[in-house]
């Protein structure tokens, strides 16, 4: 049976944030990249990504799967 997990990242939307929020936004995106890389090293593969746009934030939901032999 495959293992399934999700990573949820909430990022402020670019046009809405001011210059002081851009570093935070870039940090959140870098954290997402690091999370995905960490899971990849553990044998997970990215199955899908959904971006949900709200009035002030974008929420990324990444679904990852892993074959049983990597458990």
Protein backbone atom coordinates (compact mmCIF):
# COMPACT_ATOMS: atom_id res chain seq x y z
CA UNK A 1 0.00 0.00 0.00
CA UNK A 2 1.30 3.47 -0.89
CA UNK A 3 1.95 6.06 1.80
CA UNK A 4 0.25 9.38 1.15
CA UNK A 5 1.02 12.69 2.83
CA UNK A 6 0.32 16.37 2.17
CA UNK A 7 2.25 19.58 2.72
CA UNK A 8 0.26 22.80 3.10
CA UNK A 9 2.00 26.16 2.55
CA UNK A 10 0.23 29.51 2.92
CA UNK A 11 1.86 32.42 1.07
CA UNK A 12 0.75 36.09 0.92
CA UNK A 13 -0.29 37.12 -2.60
CA UNK A 14 2.32 39.22 -4.44
CA UNK A 15 0.24 42.25 -5.48
CA UNK A 16 -1.28 42.59 -2.03
CA UNK A 17 1.89 42.54 0.06
CA UNK A 18 4.02 45.61 0.50
CA UNK A 19 7.80 45.69 0.29
CA UNK A 20 8.16 44.66 3.93
CA UNK A 21 6.24 41.41 3.33
CA UNK A 22 8.18 40.24 0.26
CA UNK A 23 11.03 38.68 2.31
CA UNK A 24 8.44 36.70 4.32
CA UNK A 25 6.79 35.56 1.10
CA UNK A 26 10.11 34.40 -0.36
CA UNK A 27 10.96 32.63 2.90
CA UNK A 28 7.65 30.71 2.84
CA UNK A 29 8.25 29.63 -0.76
CA UNK A 30 11.80 28.53 0.11
CA UNK A 31 10.44 26.54 3.07
CA UNK A 32 8.02 24.79 0.72
CA UNK A 33 10.88 23.88 -1.62
CA UNK A 34 12.90 22.54 1.33
CA UNK A 35 9.93 20.48 2.54
CA UNK A 36 9.42 18.97 -0.90
CA UNK A 37 13.12 18.13 -1.24
CA UNK A 38 13.17 16.53 2.20
CA UNK A 39 10.24 14.29 1.32
CA UNK A 40 11.85 13.43 -2.04
CA UNK A 41 14.99 12.26 -0.21
CA UNK A 42 12.74 9.97 1.85
CA UNK A 43 11.34 8.34 -1.27
CA UNK A 44 8.19 10.42 -1.75
CA UNK A 45 7.08 11.61 -5.18
CA UNK A 46 4.98 14.67 -5.84
CA UNK A 47 1.59 13.43 -7.09
CA UNK A 48 -0.22 16.75 -7.38
CA UNK A 49 -0.19 20.39 -6.36
CA UNK A 50 -3.29 22.50 -5.89
CA UNK A 51 -3.08 26.27 -5.46
CA UNK A 52 -6.08 27.77 -3.67
CA UNK A 53 -6.26 31.53 -4.05
CA UNK A 54 -7.94 33.56 -1.34
CA UNK A 55 -8.32 37.32 -0.93
CA UNK A 56 -4.90 37.75 0.73
CA UNK A 57 -3.13 34.39 0.53
CA UNK A 58 -2.41 31.50 -1.79
CA UNK A 59 -2.50 28.09 -0.14
CA UNK A 60 -0.47 25.36 -1.82
CA UNK A 61 -1.49 21.79 -1.04
CA UNK A 62 1.09 19.29 -2.28
CA UNK A 63 0.14 15.61 -2.22
CA UNK A 64 3.00 13.14 -2.14
CA UNK A 65 3.08 9.35 -2.41
CA UNK A 66 5.67 6.75 -1.53
CA UNK A 67 5.93 3.11 -2.64
CA UNK A 68 5.88 0.50 0.16
CA UNK A 69 9.50 -0.54 -0.41
CA UNK A 70 10.62 2.94 0.73
CA UNK A 71 8.74 2.69 4.04
